[in-house]
Amino acid sequence: MRSIFISFLLLIASPYSFASPPVVAQFSLTDSSSIKHQLSDYKGKWVLVNYWATWCPSCLEEVPDLVNLYDKRSKKDLMVLGVVFDYASIKEVETYVDDMLISYPIVLGDDAVVRQIGVADVMPTTFIYNPKGELLKIKRGRITKQYIEQLINLNTDSKAR
């Protein structure tokens, strides 16, 4: 009887016994060109919301990979939204975007963005949403094209089985 009771306790204490289904997220952000971006607009696509700052060396390093991904996949299966924080002026951001040849939309970060997406403990931080609009992963630190493609392939392959 005791072993049955212990088994029951282990079962109900399991982290999987109370797992709730993933929550579909929602946000509405306006970029520096005054274009509104809602997560629901990108249903069926992977969405990366990348927090960055102009003073951040790791942010600078990841931009070419994000630009490459956006340029190759934005019409197909991926959207990138850059959210800049801790900047001195809009002109500084515009210069940085031009110098880095950033082709994806840029949002000026503020408290409203943080309330919708979340807080970043470090720069850069990328929030990765799957094609259903569910927050799949929060990646703190530099992100690479290879990392994103592996994540997409892993989650696409597992659903095909």
N, C-alpha and C. Protein backbone atom coordinates (compact mmCIF):
# COMPACT_ATOMS: atom_id res chain seq x y z
N MET A 1 0.83 -1.20 0.00
CA MET A 1 0.00 0.00 0.00
C MET A 1 0.87 1.26 0.00
N ARG A 2 1.94 1.19 0.79
CA ARG A 2 2.83 2.35 0.86
C ARG A 2 3.44 2.66 -0.50
N SER A 3 3.85 1.64 -1.26
CA SER A 3 4.46 1.87 -2.57
C SER A 3 3.45 2.47 -3.56
N ILE A 4 2.20 2.10 -3.44
CA ILE A 4 1.16 2.69 -4.29
C ILE A 4 1.00 4.17 -3.95
N PHE A 5 1.00 4.50 -2.66
CA PHE A 5 0.86 5.88 -2.23
C PHE A 5 2.05 6.72 -2.73
N ILE A 6 3.26 6.20 -2.62
CA ILE A 6 4.46 6.90 -3.09
C ILE A 6 4.39 7.09 -4.60
N SER A 7 3.98 6.07 -5.33
CA SER A 7 3.84 6.18 -6.78
C SER A 7 2.83 7.26 -7.14
N PHE A 8 1.73 7.31 -6.40
CA PHE A 8 0.71 8.33 -6.65
C PHE A 8 1.28 9.72 -6.41
N LEU A 9 2.03 9.90 -5.31
CA LEU A 9 2.63 11.19 -5.02
C LEU A 9 3.62 11.60 -6.11
N LEU A 10 4.43 10.68 -6.59
CA LEU A 10 5.37 10.97 -7.66
C LEU A 10 4.64 11.37 -8.93
N LEU A 11 3.54 10.70 -9.21
CA LEU A 11 2.76 11.00 -10.40
C LEU A 11 2.19 12.41 -10.34
N ILE A 12 1.59 12.79 -9.23
CA ILE A 12 0.98 14.11 -9.17
C ILE A 12 2.03 15.21 -9.01
N ALA A 13 3.21 14.88 -8.51
CA ALA A 13 4.28 15.88 -8.37
C ALA A 13 5.07 16.05 -9.66
N SER A 14 4.84 15.20 -10.61
CA SER A 14 5.58 15.27 -11.88
C SER A 14 5.34 16.61 -12.56
N PRO A 15 6.40 17.20 -13.14
CA PRO A 15 6.22 18.48 -13.81
C PRO A 15 5.31 18.37 -15.04
N TYR A 16 5.08 17.16 -15.49
CA TYR A 16 4.23 16.98 -16.67
C TYR A 16 2.77 16.76 -16.32
N SER A 17 2.48 16.46 -15.07
CA SER A 17 1.10 16.16 -14.71
C SER A 17 0.21 17.40 -14.74
N PHE A 18 0.77 18.57 -14.55
CA PHE A 18 -0.02 19.78 -14.55
C PHE A 18 0.35 20.70 -15.71
N ALA A 19 0.99 20.15 -16.71
CA ALA A 19 1.43 20.97 -17.85
C ALA A 19 0.22 21.54 -18.55
N SER A 20 0.26 22.83 -18.77
CA SER A 20 -0.82 23.48 -19.49
C SER A 20 -0.40 23.63 -20.94
N PRO A 21 -1.35 23.73 -21.83
CA PRO A 21 -1.00 23.90 -23.23
C PRO A 21 -0.29 25.23 -23.44
N PRO A 22 0.57 25.33 -24.47
CA PRO A 22 1.26 26.59 -24.72
C PRO A 22 0.27 27.72 -24.94
N VAL A 23 0.62 28.89 -24.46
CA VAL A 23 -0.25 30.05 -24.60
C VAL A 23 0.14 30.79 -25.88
N VAL A 24 -0.85 31.08 -26.69
CA VAL A 24 -0.60 31.87 -27.89
C VAL A 24 -0.42 33.31 -27.45
N ALA A 25 0.70 33.88 -27.81
CA ALA A 25 1.03 35.24 -27.42
C ALA A 25 0.35 36.24 -28.36
N GLN A 26 0.37 37.50 -27.97
CA GLN A 26 -0.13 38.56 -28.83
C GLN A 26 0.64 39.83 -28.51
N PHE A 27 1.00 40.53 -29.55
CA PHE A 27 1.59 41.84 -29.37
C PHE A 27 1.28 42.68 -30.58
N SER A 28 1.40 43.98 -30.39
CA SER A 28 1.22 44.95 -31.47
C SER A 28 2.29 46.02 -31.30
N LEU A 29 3.20 46.07 -32.27
CA LEU A 29 4.32 47.00 -32.22
C LEU A 29 4.32 47.86 -33.47
N THR A 30 4.70 49.11 -33.34
CA THR A 30 4.81 50.01 -34.48
C THR A 30 6.29 50.30 -34.72
N ASP A 31 6.72 50.08 -35.98
CA ASP A 31 8.14 50.26 -36.27
C ASP A 31 8.47 51.71 -36.58
N SER A 32 9.73 51.97 -36.86
CA SER A 32 10.21 53.34 -37.08
C SER A 32 9.68 53.94 -38.39
N SER A 33 9.07 53.11 -39.23
CA SER A 33 8.43 53.61 -40.46
C SER A 33 6.92 53.74 -40.27
N SER A 34 6.46 53.66 -39.04
CA SER A 34 5.05 53.76 -38.66
C SER A 34 4.19 52.61 -39.16
N ILE A 35 4.80 51.46 -39.40
CA ILE A 35 4.06 50.26 -39.81
C ILE A 35 3.79 49.43 -38.56
N LYS A 36 2.54 49.01 -38.43
CA LYS A 36 2.11 48.23 -37.27
C LYS A 36 2.37 46.74 -37.53
N HIS A 37 2.95 46.07 -36.53
CA HIS A 37 3.23 44.65 -36.62
C HIS A 37 2.55 43.94 -35.46
N GLN A 38 1.63 43.04 -35.79
CA GLN A 38 0.97 42.23 -34.78
C GLN A 38 1.41 40.79 -34.98
N LEU A 39 1.62 40.08 -33.89
CA LEU A 39 2.05 38.70 -34.00
C LEU A 39 1.07 37.90 -34.85
N SER A 40 -0.21 38.17 -34.70
CA SER A 40 -1.23 37.43 -35.46
C SER A 40 -1.11 37.65 -36.97
N ASP A 41 -0.47 38.74 -37.38
CA ASP A 41 -0.24 38.99 -38.82
C ASP A 41 0.71 37.96 -39.42
N TYR A 42 1.49 37.32 -38.59
CA TYR A 42 2.54 36.42 -39.07
C TYR A 42 2.24 34.96 -38.75
N LYS A 43 0.95 34.64 -38.61
CA LYS A 43 0.56 33.25 -38.37
C LYS A 43 1.10 32.39 -39.51
N GLY A 44 1.70 31.28 -39.16
CA GLY A 44 2.31 30.41 -40.15
C GLY A 44 3.79 30.69 -40.36
N LYS A 45 4.31 31.74 -39.71
CA LYS A 45 5.73 32.08 -39.82
C LYS A 45 6.37 32.03 -38.43
N TRP A 46 7.65 31.76 -38.43
CA TRP A 46 8.45 31.94 -37.23
C TRP A 46 8.67 33.44 -37.05
N VAL A 47 8.61 33.90 -35.82
CA VAL A 47 8.81 35.33 -35.54
C VAL A 47 9.91 35.47 -34.49
N LEU A 48 10.90 36.28 -34.84
CA LEU A 48 11.99 36.60 -33.91
C LEU A 48 11.85 38.05 -33.51
N VAL A 49 11.73 38.31 -32.23
CA VAL A 49 11.74 39.67 -31.72
C VAL A 49 13.08 39.83 -31.00
N ASN A 50 13.95 40.62 -31.60
CA ASN A 50 15.34 40.74 -31.14
C ASN A 50 15.55 42.08 -30.46
N TYR A 51 15.78 42.04 -29.13
CA TYR A 51 16.13 43.23 -28.37
C TYR A 51 17.62 43.50 -28.54
N TRP A 52 17.98 44.75 -28.82
CA TRP A 52 19.37 45.11 -29.02
C TRP A 52 19.61 46.55 -28.61
N ALA A 53 20.88 46.94 -28.59
CA ALA A 53 21.27 48.32 -28.28
C ALA A 53 22.46 48.69 -29.15
N THR A 54 22.60 49.96 -29.46
CA THR A 54 23.68 50.42 -30.34
C THR A 54 25.06 50.26 -29.71
N TRP A 55 25.15 50.23 -28.38
CA TRP A 55 26.43 50.12 -27.67
C TRP A 55 26.86 48.67 -27.45
N CYS A 56 26.07 47.72 -27.89
CA CYS A 56 26.25 46.30 -27.56
C CYS A 56 27.07 45.56 -28.62
N PRO A 57 28.31 45.12 -28.30
CA PRO A 57 29.13 44.41 -29.28
C PRO A 57 28.50 43.11 -29.78
N SER A 58 27.86 42.34 -28.91
CA SER A 58 27.22 41.09 -29.35
C SER A 58 26.06 41.36 -30.30
N CYS A 59 25.36 42.48 -30.07
CA CYS A 59 24.27 42.86 -30.97
C CYS A 59 24.83 43.14 -32.37
N LEU A 60 25.93 43.86 -32.41
CA LEU A 60 26.60 44.17 -33.67
C LEU A 60 27.00 42.89 -34.41
N GLU A 61 27.49 41.91 -33.67
CA GLU A 61 27.94 40.65 -34.26
C GLU A 61 26.80 39.82 -34.85
N GLU A 62 25.61 39.89 -34.25
CA GLU A 62 24.52 39.04 -34.73
C GLU A 62 23.72 39.66 -35.88
N VAL A 63 23.86 40.95 -36.12
CA VAL A 63 23.08 41.62 -37.16
C VAL A 63 23.24 40.96 -38.54
N PRO A 64 24.44 40.66 -39.01
CA PRO A 64 24.53 40.05 -40.35
C PRO A 64 23.74 38.75 -40.48
N ASP A 65 23.73 37.91 -39.44
CA ASP A 65 22.95 36.67 -39.49
C ASP A 65 21.46 36.96 -39.53
N LEU A 66 21.01 37.92 -38.74
CA LEU A 66 19.58 38.27 -38.74
C LEU A 66 19.16 38.86 -40.08
N VAL A 67 20.00 39.72 -40.65
CA VAL A 67 19.71 40.30 -41.97
C VAL A 67 19.64 39.19 -43.01
N ASN A 68 20.60 38.27 -42.97
CA ASN A 68 20.62 37.16 -43.93
C ASN A 68 19.36 36.31 -43.82
N LEU A 69 18.99 35.95 -42.61
CA LEU A 69 17.76 35.16 -42.41
C LEU A 69 16.53 35.91 -42.92
N TYR A 70 16.42 37.17 -42.55
CA TYR A 70 15.27 37.97 -42.96
C TYR A 70 15.20 38.08 -44.49
N ASP A 71 16.33 38.39 -45.10
CA ASP A 71 16.34 38.57 -46.56
C ASP A 71 16.00 37.28 -47.29
N LYS A 72 16.42 36.15 -46.78
CA LYS A 72 16.18 34.87 -47.45
C LYS A 72 14.82 34.25 -47.15
N ARG A 73 14.28 34.52 -45.96
CA ARG A 73 13.10 33.77 -45.52
C ARG A 73 11.85 34.60 -45.23
N SER A 74 11.95 35.93 -45.29
CA SER A 74 10.81 36.75 -44.87
C SER A 74 9.57 36.56 -45.75
N LYS A 75 9.75 36.25 -46.99
CA LYS A 75 8.60 36.03 -47.88
C LYS A 75 8.06 34.61 -47.74
N LYS A 76 8.82 33.77 -47.05
CA LYS A 76 8.46 32.36 -46.93
C LYS A 76 7.96 31.98 -45.54
N ASP A 77 8.86 32.00 -44.54
CA ASP A 77 8.47 31.40 -43.26
C ASP A 77 9.04 32.07 -42.01
N LEU A 78 9.56 33.30 -42.14
CA LEU A 78 10.19 33.91 -40.98
C LEU A 78 10.05 35.43 -41.00
N MET A 79 9.83 36.01 -39.83
CA MET A 79 9.79 37.46 -39.67
C MET A 79 10.74 37.84 -38.55
N VAL A 80 11.51 38.90 -38.77
CA VAL A 80 12.41 39.43 -37.75
C VAL A 80 11.97 40.85 -37.43
N LEU A 81 11.84 41.14 -36.15
CA LEU A 81 11.56 42.49 -35.68
C LEU A 81 12.66 42.87 -34.69
N GLY A 82 13.39 43.91 -35.00
CA GLY A 82 14.43 44.40 -34.10
C GLY A 82 13.85 45.47 -33.19
N VAL A 83 14.12 45.35 -31.90
CA VAL A 83 13.64 46.34 -30.93
C VAL A 83 14.86 46.95 -30.24
N VAL A 84 15.10 48.22 -30.49
CA VAL A 84 16.28 48.89 -29.95
C VAL A 84 15.95 49.57 -28.62
N PHE A 85 16.83 49.38 -27.66
CA PHE A 85 16.69 50.00 -26.34
C PHE A 85 17.95 50.81 -26.03
N ASP A 86 17.81 51.70 -25.08
CA ASP A 86 18.95 52.42 -24.51
C ASP A 86 19.74 53.18 -25.58
N TYR A 87 19.05 53.98 -26.35
CA TYR A 87 19.69 54.75 -27.42
C TYR A 87 19.64 56.24 -27.06
N ALA A 88 20.59 57.00 -27.59
CA ALA A 88 20.67 58.43 -27.28
C ALA A 88 19.66 59.25 -28.08
N SER A 89 19.48 58.86 -29.35
CA SER A 89 18.55 59.61 -30.20
C SER A 89 18.08 58.72 -31.35
N ILE A 90 17.00 59.13 -31.97
CA ILE A 90 16.50 58.40 -33.13
C ILE A 90 17.51 58.47 -34.27
N LYS A 91 18.20 59.59 -34.39
CA LYS A 91 19.24 59.74 -35.41
C LYS A 91 20.35 58.70 -35.22
N GLU A 92 20.74 58.48 -33.97
CA GLU A 92 21.76 57.46 -33.68
C GLU A 92 21.29 56.09 -34.17
N VAL A 93 20.04 55.75 -33.92
CA VAL A 93 19.49 54.47 -34.36
C VAL A 93 19.47 54.40 -35.88
N GLU A 94 19.00 55.46 -36.53
CA GLU A 94 18.94 55.48 -37.99
C GLU A 94 20.33 55.29 -38.61
N THR A 95 21.32 55.94 -38.06
CA THR A 95 22.70 55.81 -38.55
C THR A 95 23.19 54.37 -38.39
N TYR A 96 22.93 53.80 -37.23
CA TYR A 96 23.33 52.42 -36.96
C TYR A 96 22.66 51.46 -37.95
N VAL A 97 21.35 51.63 -38.14
CA VAL A 97 20.59 50.77 -39.06
C VAL A 97 21.14 50.89 -40.47
N ASP A 98 21.42 52.11 -40.91
CA ASP A 98 22.00 52.31 -42.25
C ASP A 98 23.39 51.71 -42.36
N ASP A 99 24.24 51.94 -41.37
CA ASP A 99 25.61 51.41 -41.40
C ASP A 99 25.64 49.88 -41.42
N MET A 100 24.71 49.26 -40.70
CA MET A 100 24.68 47.80 -40.60
C MET A 100 23.82 47.15 -41.70
N LEU A 101 23.23 47.97 -42.58
CA LEU A 101 22.39 47.48 -43.67
C LEU A 101 21.24 46.60 -43.15
N ILE A 102 20.64 47.03 -42.06
CA ILE A 102 19.54 46.27 -41.47
C ILE A 102 18.30 46.44 -42.34
N SER A 103 17.78 45.32 -42.84
CA SER A 103 16.64 45.34 -43.74
C SER A 103 15.32 45.01 -43.04
N TYR A 104 15.38 44.44 -41.86
CA TYR A 104 14.15 44.09 -41.13
C TYR A 104 13.64 45.31 -40.35
N PRO A 105 12.35 45.30 -40.01
CA PRO A 105 11.77 46.44 -39.30
C PRO A 105 12.40 46.67 -37.92
N ILE A 106 12.52 47.94 -37.56
CA ILE A 106 13.09 48.33 -36.27
C ILE A 106 12.02 49.08 -35.46
N VAL A 107 11.86 48.64 -34.23
CA VAL A 107 10.91 49.25 -33.29
C VAL A 107 11.72 49.94 -32.22
N LEU A 108 11.30 51.16 -31.86
CA LEU A 108 11.95 51.87 -30.75
C LEU A 108 11.38 51.33 -29.45
N GLY A 109 12.23 50.70 -28.66
CA GLY A 109 11.79 50.05 -27.43
C GLY A 109 11.38 51.03 -26.35
N ASP A 110 10.35 50.65 -25.61
CA ASP A 110 9.87 51.44 -24.48
C ASP A 110 9.13 50.51 -23.52
N ASP A 111 8.54 51.09 -22.47
CA ASP A 111 7.83 50.28 -21.47
C ASP A 111 6.66 49.52 -22.07
N ALA A 112 5.98 50.08 -23.06
CA ALA A 112 4.85 49.40 -23.69
C ALA A 112 5.30 48.13 -24.40
N VAL A 113 6.46 48.18 -25.04
CA VAL A 113 7.01 46.99 -25.70
C VAL A 113 7.34 45.92 -24.65
N VAL A 114 7.99 46.32 -23.58
CA VAL A 114 8.37 45.38 -22.52
C VAL A 114 7.14 44.72 -21.91
N ARG A 115 6.07 45.49 -21.71
CA ARG A 115 4.84 44.91 -21.16
C ARG A 115 4.26 43.85 -22.08
N GLN A 116 4.41 44.01 -23.38
CA GLN A 116 3.84 43.06 -24.34
C GLN A 116 4.74 41.85 -24.60
N ILE A 117 6.05 42.07 -24.67
CA ILE A 117 6.98 41.01 -25.06
C ILE A 117 7.66 40.40 -23.84
N GLY A 118 8.22 41.24 -22.98
CA GLY A 118 8.93 40.76 -21.81
C GLY A 118 10.19 41.56 -21.57
N VAL A 119 10.80 41.30 -20.44
CA VAL A 119 12.01 41.99 -20.01
C VAL A 119 13.23 41.22 -20.50
N ALA A 120 14.28 41.95 -20.81
CA ALA A 120 15.56 41.33 -21.16
C ALA A 120 16.57 41.62 -20.07
N ASP A 121 17.16 40.58 -19.53
CA ASP A 121 18.20 40.74 -18.51
C ASP A 121 19.54 41.13 -19.13
N VAL A 122 19.73 40.74 -20.38
CA VAL A 122 20.97 41.01 -21.10
C VAL A 122 20.64 41.46 -22.52
N MET A 123 21.60 42.12 -23.14
CA MET A 123 21.49 42.47 -24.55
C MET A 123 22.53 41.67 -25.30
N PRO A 124 22.20 41.10 -26.41
CA PRO A 124 20.86 40.99 -26.99
C PRO A 124 20.06 39.87 -26.34
N THR A 125 18.76 39.93 -26.53
CA THR A 125 17.84 38.87 -26.15
C THR A 125 16.84 38.71 -27.30
N THR A 126 16.57 37.47 -27.67
CA THR A 126 15.65 37.20 -28.77
C THR A 126 14.52 36.32 -28.28
N PHE A 127 13.30 36.76 -28.54
CA PHE A 127 12.09 36.01 -28.23
C PHE A 127 11.68 35.30 -29.52
N ILE A 128 11.55 34.00 -29.46
CA ILE A 128 11.29 33.19 -30.66
C ILE A 128 9.90 32.59 -30.55
N TYR A 129 9.04 32.94 -31.51
CA TYR A 129 7.67 32.46 -31.57
C TYR A 129 7.54 31.46 -32.72
N ASN A 130 6.84 30.35 -32.46
CA ASN A 130 6.63 29.36 -33.52
C ASN A 130 5.50 29.82 -34.45
N PRO A 131 5.26 29.11 -35.54
CA PRO A 131 4.23 29.53 -36.50
C PRO A 131 2.81 29.57 -35.95
N LYS A 132 2.57 28.98 -34.77
CA LYS A 132 1.25 29.05 -34.13
C LYS A 132 1.12 30.30 -33.26
N GLY A 133 2.20 31.07 -33.12
CA GLY A 133 2.17 32.26 -32.28
C GLY A 133 2.50 31.98 -30.83
N GLU A 134 3.07 30.81 -30.55
CA GLU A 134 3.44 30.45 -29.18
C GLU A 134 4.90 30.83 -28.94
N LEU A 135 5.17 31.41 -27.79
CA LEU A 135 6.55 31.72 -27.42
C LEU A 135 7.26 30.40 -27.16
N LEU A 136 8.21 30.07 -28.03
CA LEU A 136 8.92 28.80 -27.94
C LEU A 136 10.18 28.91 -27.08
N LYS A 137 10.89 30.04 -27.21
CA LYS A 137 12.18 30.16 -26.56
C LYS A 137 12.55 31.62 -26.37
N ILE A 138 13.24 31.90 -25.28
CA ILE A 138 13.87 33.19 -25.06
C ILE A 138 15.37 32.92 -25.05
N LYS A 139 16.07 33.44 -26.04
CA LYS A 139 17.52 33.22 -26.18
C LYS A 139 18.24 34.47 -25.71
N ARG A 140 18.96 34.36 -24.62
CA ARG A 140 19.73 35.48 -24.08
C ARG A 140 21.14 35.41 -24.64
N GLY A 141 21.66 36.54 -25.06
CA GLY A 141 22.98 36.58 -25.65
C GLY A 141 22.89 36.47 -27.17
N ARG A 142 24.05 36.44 -27.77
CA ARG A 142 24.15 36.44 -29.24
C ARG A 142 23.45 35.23 -29.84
N ILE A 143 22.74 35.47 -30.92
CA ILE A 143 22.05 34.41 -31.65
C ILE A 143 22.69 34.31 -33.03
N THR A 144 22.71 33.11 -33.59
CA THR A 144 23.29 32.92 -34.91
C THR A 144 22.27 32.35 -35.88
N LYS A 145 22.57 32.50 -37.14
CA LYS A 145 21.73 31.93 -38.19
C LYS A 145 21.63 30.41 -38.00
N GLN A 146 22.75 29.79 -37.71
CA GLN A 146 22.79 28.33 -37.53
C GLN A 146 21.87 27.91 -36.37
N TYR A 147 21.92 28.64 -35.26
CA TYR A 147 21.08 28.32 -34.11
C TYR A 147 19.60 28.39 -34.48
N ILE A 148 19.22 29.45 -35.15
CA ILE A 148 17.81 29.65 -35.53
C ILE A 148 17.36 28.56 -36.50
N GLU A 149 18.17 28.29 -37.51
CA GLU A 149 17.80 27.26 -38.48
C GLU A 149 17.70 25.89 -37.84
N GLN A 150 18.59 25.57 -36.91
CA GLN A 150 18.50 24.29 -36.20
C GLN A 150 17.23 24.21 -35.36
N LEU A 151 16.90 25.30 -34.68
CA LEU A 151 15.68 25.34 -33.88
C LEU A 151 14.44 25.15 -34.75
N ILE A 152 14.40 25.83 -35.88
CA ILE A 152 13.28 25.70 -36.80
C ILE A 152 13.20 24.27 -37.34
N ASN A 153 14.32 23.75 -37.80
CA ASN A 153 14.34 22.38 -38.36
C ASN A 153 13.96 21.34 -37.31
N LEU A 154 14.48 21.47 -36.11
CA LEU A 154 14.16 20.53 -35.04
C LEU A 154 12.67 20.53 -34.74
N ASN A 155 12.07 21.70 -34.66
CA ASN A 155 10.65 21.80 -34.33
C ASN A 155 9.76 21.48 -35.51
N THR A 156 10.23 21.66 -36.72
CA THR A 156 9.47 21.28 -37.91
C THR A 156 9.55 19.77 -38.11
N ASP A 157 10.75 19.18 -37.95
CA ASP A 157 10.94 17.75 -38.12
C ASP A 157 10.15 16.95 -37.10
N SER A 158 10.11 17.41 -35.85
CA SER A 158 9.41 16.65 -34.81
C SER A 158 7.90 16.63 -35.04
N LYS A 159 7.38 17.65 -35.71
CA LYS A 159 5.93 17.68 -36.00
C LYS A 159 5.59 16.83 -37.21
N ALA A 160 6.58 16.58 -38.07
CA ALA A 160 6.34 15.78 -39.27
C ALA A 160 6.26 14.30 -38.93
N ARG A 161 6.78 13.91 -37.77
CA ARG A 161 6.77 12.48 -37.39
C ARG A 161 5.43 12.02 -36.94
